[in-house]
């Protein structure tokens, strides 16, 4: 049982009830807030270990909650919203959200995403990541597949390490371009796609159907650590 504290900020009573029941059953301590203003007060007063945040709420919406929270706190935030437009996802992630799920959602997937953000909060990334037959040694900047070292160019390595240091979290195109190429420039966007394909050819069993470096359409890329769970959906 984890005992970690999760705050749910959502104006839909049925969502609050479902999340409270599921998260409590998995050992989390749960508090709920029915609007953004109450959510901001709870973040400050209760100091949760993670926040599950709706975007569309009356009064103070989720974007404003995220903006105000990021002014002083790095608490992990998973956005949970019926707004599935790419622009909303990108805006939330660029605004400091750690992850984004669109309603309807699978409770198993939310729990998996929550475990990932809480694991990152507990401490630095482990020196090695193991994903199937691929091992990434972050300290020594080495990659192995099936026990054999994989040669990566400096740009490929920088790109893979950027994803690995945030393993399980989606990074937007803009975030990746800043971390790997040193800033956002439209001419670098095609290079990002090219280098993602290079990495997939070297690390994936089937580059056309990647299981390790996955695309979040219109948003960015994620180094996937855990499989998505099956329904129920909420």
Protein backbone atom coordinates (compact mmCIF):
# COMPACT_ATOMS: atom_id res chain seq x y z
CA UNK A 1 0.00 0.00 0.00
CA UNK A 2 1.50 3.31 -1.03
CA UNK A 3 0.00 5.85 1.38
CA UNK A 4 0.86 8.65 -1.05
CA UNK A 5 -1.54 11.58 -1.22
CA UNK A 6 -3.49 12.27 -4.42
CA UNK A 7 -5.73 15.28 -4.95
CA UNK A 8 -8.55 15.00 -7.51
CA UNK A 9 -9.76 18.32 -8.96
CA UNK A 10 -12.86 17.73 -11.11
CA UNK A 11 -16.32 19.26 -11.28
CA UNK A 12 -18.02 15.95 -12.23
CA UNK A 13 -19.27 14.15 -9.09
CA UNK A 14 -19.26 10.72 -10.73
CA UNK A 15 -15.63 11.12 -11.77
CA UNK A 16 -14.63 12.21 -8.27
CA UNK A 17 -16.44 9.22 -6.76
CA UNK A 18 -14.95 6.72 -9.20
CA UNK A 19 -11.41 8.05 -8.76
CA UNK A 20 -11.66 8.22 -4.98
CA UNK A 21 -12.91 4.62 -4.82
CA UNK A 22 -10.26 3.24 -7.19
CA UNK A 23 -7.30 5.15 -5.78
CA UNK A 24 -8.26 4.41 -2.18
CA UNK A 25 -8.52 0.72 -3.04
CA UNK A 26 -4.93 0.88 -4.32
CA UNK A 27 -3.63 2.37 -1.11
CA UNK A 28 -3.59 6.08 -1.91
CA UNK A 29 -4.82 8.75 0.48
CA UNK A 30 -7.32 10.78 -1.53
CA UNK A 31 -8.85 14.24 -1.25
CA UNK A 32 -11.22 15.81 -3.78
CA UNK A 33 -11.96 19.36 -4.92
CA UNK A 34 -15.00 20.27 -7.00
CA UNK A 35 -13.56 23.36 -8.70
CA UNK A 36 -10.30 25.08 -9.52
CA UNK A 37 -10.37 27.58 -6.65
CA UNK A 38 -10.87 24.82 -4.08
CA UNK A 39 -8.21 22.78 -5.84
CA UNK A 40 -5.63 25.56 -5.52
CA UNK A 41 -6.42 25.91 -1.83
CA UNK A 42 -6.04 22.14 -1.32
CA UNK A 43 -2.71 22.01 -3.17
CA UNK A 44 -1.36 24.69 -0.84
CA UNK A 45 -2.88 23.38 2.39
CA UNK A 46 -2.79 19.59 1.92
CA UNK A 47 0.49 19.29 -0.04
CA UNK A 48 -0.46 16.28 -2.18
CA UNK A 49 2.12 14.00 -3.79
CA UNK A 50 0.22 14.19 -7.10
CA UNK A 51 -2.77 15.97 -8.61
CA UNK A 52 -5.33 14.64 -11.09
CA UNK A 53 -6.73 17.76 -12.75
CA UNK A 54 -9.70 18.40 -15.03
CA UNK A 55 -9.33 21.25 -17.52
CA UNK A 56 -12.93 22.34 -18.08
CA UNK A 57 -14.35 23.72 -14.84
CA UNK A 58 -16.45 26.78 -14.06
CA UNK A 59 -14.64 29.80 -12.69
CA UNK A 60 -10.97 28.91 -12.32
CA UNK A 61 -10.29 26.33 -15.03
CA UNK A 62 -7.57 23.69 -15.13
CA UNK A 63 -5.17 25.79 -17.20
CA UNK A 64 -5.26 28.51 -14.54
CA UNK A 65 -4.82 25.95 -11.75
CA UNK A 66 -1.78 24.61 -13.58
CA UNK A 67 -0.36 28.08 -14.19
CA UNK A 68 -0.70 29.18 -10.57
CA UNK A 69 0.57 25.88 -9.22
CA UNK A 70 3.68 25.90 -11.39
CA UNK A 71 4.54 29.37 -10.09
CA UNK A 72 5.61 27.78 -6.79
CA UNK A 73 5.25 23.96 -6.85
CA UNK A 74 6.61 21.02 -8.87
CA UNK A 75 3.93 18.57 -7.67
CA UNK A 76 3.19 16.07 -10.46
CA UNK A 77 -0.02 16.89 -12.35
CA UNK A 78 -1.91 14.47 -14.57
CA UNK A 79 -4.50 16.30 -16.67
CA UNK A 80 -7.71 14.35 -17.15
CA UNK A 81 -10.06 16.05 -19.59
CA UNK A 82 -12.78 15.58 -22.15
CA UNK A 83 -10.93 18.12 -24.28
CA UNK A 84 -8.89 15.89 -26.56
CA UNK A 85 -7.74 18.48 -29.10
CA UNK A 86 -4.03 18.41 -29.79
CA UNK A 87 -3.74 22.13 -29.04
CA UNK A 88 -5.14 21.59 -25.54
CA UNK A 89 -2.78 18.68 -24.87
CA UNK A 90 0.24 20.63 -26.06
CA UNK A 91 -0.78 23.72 -24.07
CA UNK A 92 -1.24 21.70 -20.87
CA UNK A 93 2.03 19.80 -21.26
CA UNK A 94 4.01 22.89 -22.22
CA UNK A 95 2.37 24.62 -19.26
CA UNK A 96 3.84 22.12 -16.84
CA UNK A 97 1.51 19.10 -16.77
CA UNK A 98 3.33 15.81 -16.37
CA UNK A 99 0.85 13.76 -18.37
CA UNK A 100 -2.51 13.98 -20.14
CA UNK A 101 -5.39 11.50 -20.40
CA UNK A 102 -8.55 12.08 -22.41
CA UNK A 103 -11.99 11.11 -21.12
CA UNK A 104 -13.25 8.42 -21.38
CA UNK A 105 -10.21 6.78 -19.81
CA UNK A 106 -9.17 3.37 -18.52
CA UNK A 107 -8.67 3.29 -14.75
CA UNK A 108 -5.77 0.88 -15.20
CA UNK A 109 -4.04 3.33 -17.52
CA UNK A 110 -4.51 6.20 -15.08
CA UNK A 111 -3.05 4.09 -12.26
CA UNK A 112 -0.05 3.21 -14.43
CA UNK A 113 0.55 6.87 -15.33
CA UNK A 114 0.20 7.81 -11.66
CA UNK A 115 2.82 5.24 -10.63
CA UNK A 116 5.21 6.70 -13.20
CA UNK A 117 4.90 10.33 -12.05
CA UNK A 118 5.17 9.35 -8.39
CA UNK A 119 8.25 7.23 -9.07
CA UNK A 120 9.93 10.23 -10.69
CA UNK A 121 8.99 12.38 -7.68
CA UNK A 122 10.58 9.97 -5.20
CA UNK A 123 14.05 10.49 -6.57
CA UNK A 124 16.38 10.70 -9.55
CA UNK A 125 16.03 8.33 -12.48
CA UNK A 126 17.75 4.98 -11.95
CA UNK A 127 21.18 4.72 -13.58
CA UNK A 128 19.84 1.99 -15.87
CA UNK A 129 16.49 1.49 -17.54
CA UNK A 130 15.48 -1.99 -18.71
CA UNK A 131 12.74 -2.31 -21.33
CA UNK A 132 12.50 -5.77 -22.81
CA UNK A 133 15.84 -6.53 -24.44
CA UNK A 134 16.89 -2.86 -24.42
CA UNK A 135 18.99 -1.41 -21.58
CA UNK A 136 19.86 2.28 -21.31
CA UNK A 137 22.77 3.21 -19.04
CA UNK A 138 22.09 6.89 -18.34
CA UNK A 139 25.30 7.58 -16.43
CA UNK A 140 27.68 6.03 -18.94
CA UNK A 141 25.58 7.03 -21.99
CA UNK A 142 25.53 3.48 -23.34
CA UNK A 143 22.71 1.47 -24.90
CA UNK A 144 22.46 -2.31 -25.20
CA UNK A 145 20.05 -4.48 -27.09
CA UNK A 146 20.05 -8.21 -26.48
CA UNK A 147 23.29 -7.78 -24.54
CA UNK A 148 25.13 -6.16 -27.47
CA UNK A 149 26.07 -2.48 -27.43
CA UNK A 150 24.12 -0.31 -29.88
CA UNK A 151 26.08 2.46 -31.59
CA UNK A 152 24.22 5.77 -31.54
CA UNK A 153 25.31 9.07 -33.01
CA UNK A 154 25.62 12.02 -30.57
CA UNK A 155 22.25 13.41 -31.65
CA UNK A 156 20.56 10.01 -31.38
CA UNK A 157 22.02 9.57 -27.91
CA UNK A 158 20.93 13.03 -26.77
CA UNK A 159 17.42 12.38 -28.04
CA UNK A 160 17.17 8.97 -26.38
CA UNK A 161 18.51 10.29 -23.07
CA UNK A 162 16.03 13.18 -23.13
CA UNK A 163 13.21 10.64 -23.43
CA UNK A 164 14.79 8.23 -20.92
CA UNK A 165 15.22 10.86 -18.22
CA UNK A 166 11.45 11.44 -18.41
CA UNK A 167 10.58 7.80 -19.10
CA UNK A 168 6.85 7.22 -19.12
CA UNK A 169 6.11 10.91 -19.65
CA UNK A 170 5.11 12.44 -22.96
CA UNK A 171 7.48 15.18 -24.10
CA UNK A 172 6.10 17.69 -26.58
CA UNK A 173 7.89 18.49 -29.82
CA UNK A 174 8.84 21.89 -28.41
CA UNK A 175 10.27 20.38 -25.20
CA UNK A 176 12.37 17.88 -27.13
CA UNK A 177 13.68 20.47 -29.56
CA UNK A 178 14.76 22.69 -26.67
CA UNK A 179 16.54 19.83 -24.88
CA UNK A 180 18.25 18.24 -27.88
CA UNK A 181 18.72 21.10 -30.37
CA UNK A 182 18.95 23.92 -27.82
CA UNK A 183 15.82 25.79 -28.84
CA UNK A 184 12.66 25.68 -30.87
CA UNK A 185 13.09 26.26 -34.58
CA UNK A 186 10.67 25.20 -37.29
CA UNK A 187 13.50 23.87 -39.45
CA UNK A 188 14.47 21.38 -36.73
CA UNK A 189 11.02 19.77 -36.56
CA UNK A 190 11.64 17.49 -39.58
CA UNK A 191 14.99 16.48 -38.06
CA UNK A 192 13.21 15.32 -34.93
CA UNK A 193 11.03 12.94 -36.92
CA UNK A 194 14.06 11.66 -38.82
CA UNK A 195 16.04 10.93 -35.65
CA UNK A 196 13.07 9.27 -33.98
CA UNK A 197 12.94 6.93 -36.98
CA UNK A 198 16.69 6.29 -36.70
CA UNK A 199 16.28 5.27 -33.05
CA UNK A 200 13.33 3.02 -33.83
CA UNK A 201 15.30 1.19 -36.51
CA UNK A 202 18.06 0.49 -33.99
CA UNK A 203 15.94 -0.34 -30.95
CA UNK A 204 12.51 -1.61 -32.03
CA UNK A 205 11.62 -5.11 -33.18
CA UNK A 206 9.20 -3.60 -35.68
CA UNK A 207 10.01 0.08 -36.34
CA UNK A 208 6.75 0.53 -38.25
CA UNK A 209 4.80 -0.48 -35.12
CA UNK A 210 6.94 0.87 -32.25
CA UNK A 211 6.40 -0.38 -28.70
CA UNK A 212 9.25 1.47 -27.00
CA UNK A 213 9.32 4.97 -28.51
CA UNK A 214 5.66 5.77 -29.07
CA UNK A 215 4.08 8.73 -30.84
CA UNK A 216 1.49 10.89 -29.11
CA UNK A 217 -0.16 12.20 -32.33
CA UNK A 218 0.21 15.91 -32.79
CA UNK A 219 1.83 16.27 -29.35
CA UNK A 220 5.21 14.53 -29.07
CA UNK A 221 6.83 11.25 -28.02
CA UNK A 222 6.98 9.00 -24.98
CA UNK A 223 9.48 6.33 -23.91
CA UNK A 224 6.99 3.73 -22.79
CA UNK A 225 7.66 1.79 -19.60
CA UNK A 226 4.37 0.10 -18.81
CA UNK A 227 1.63 -1.39 -21.00
CA UNK A 228 -1.77 0.22 -21.07
CA UNK A 229 -4.32 -1.66 -19.03
CA UNK A 230 -7.67 -2.80 -20.35
CA UNK A 231 -11.02 -1.20 -19.50
CA UNK A 232 -13.08 -0.40 -17.37
CA UNK A 233 -13.35 3.10 -18.74
CA UNK A 234 -14.79 6.22 -17.07
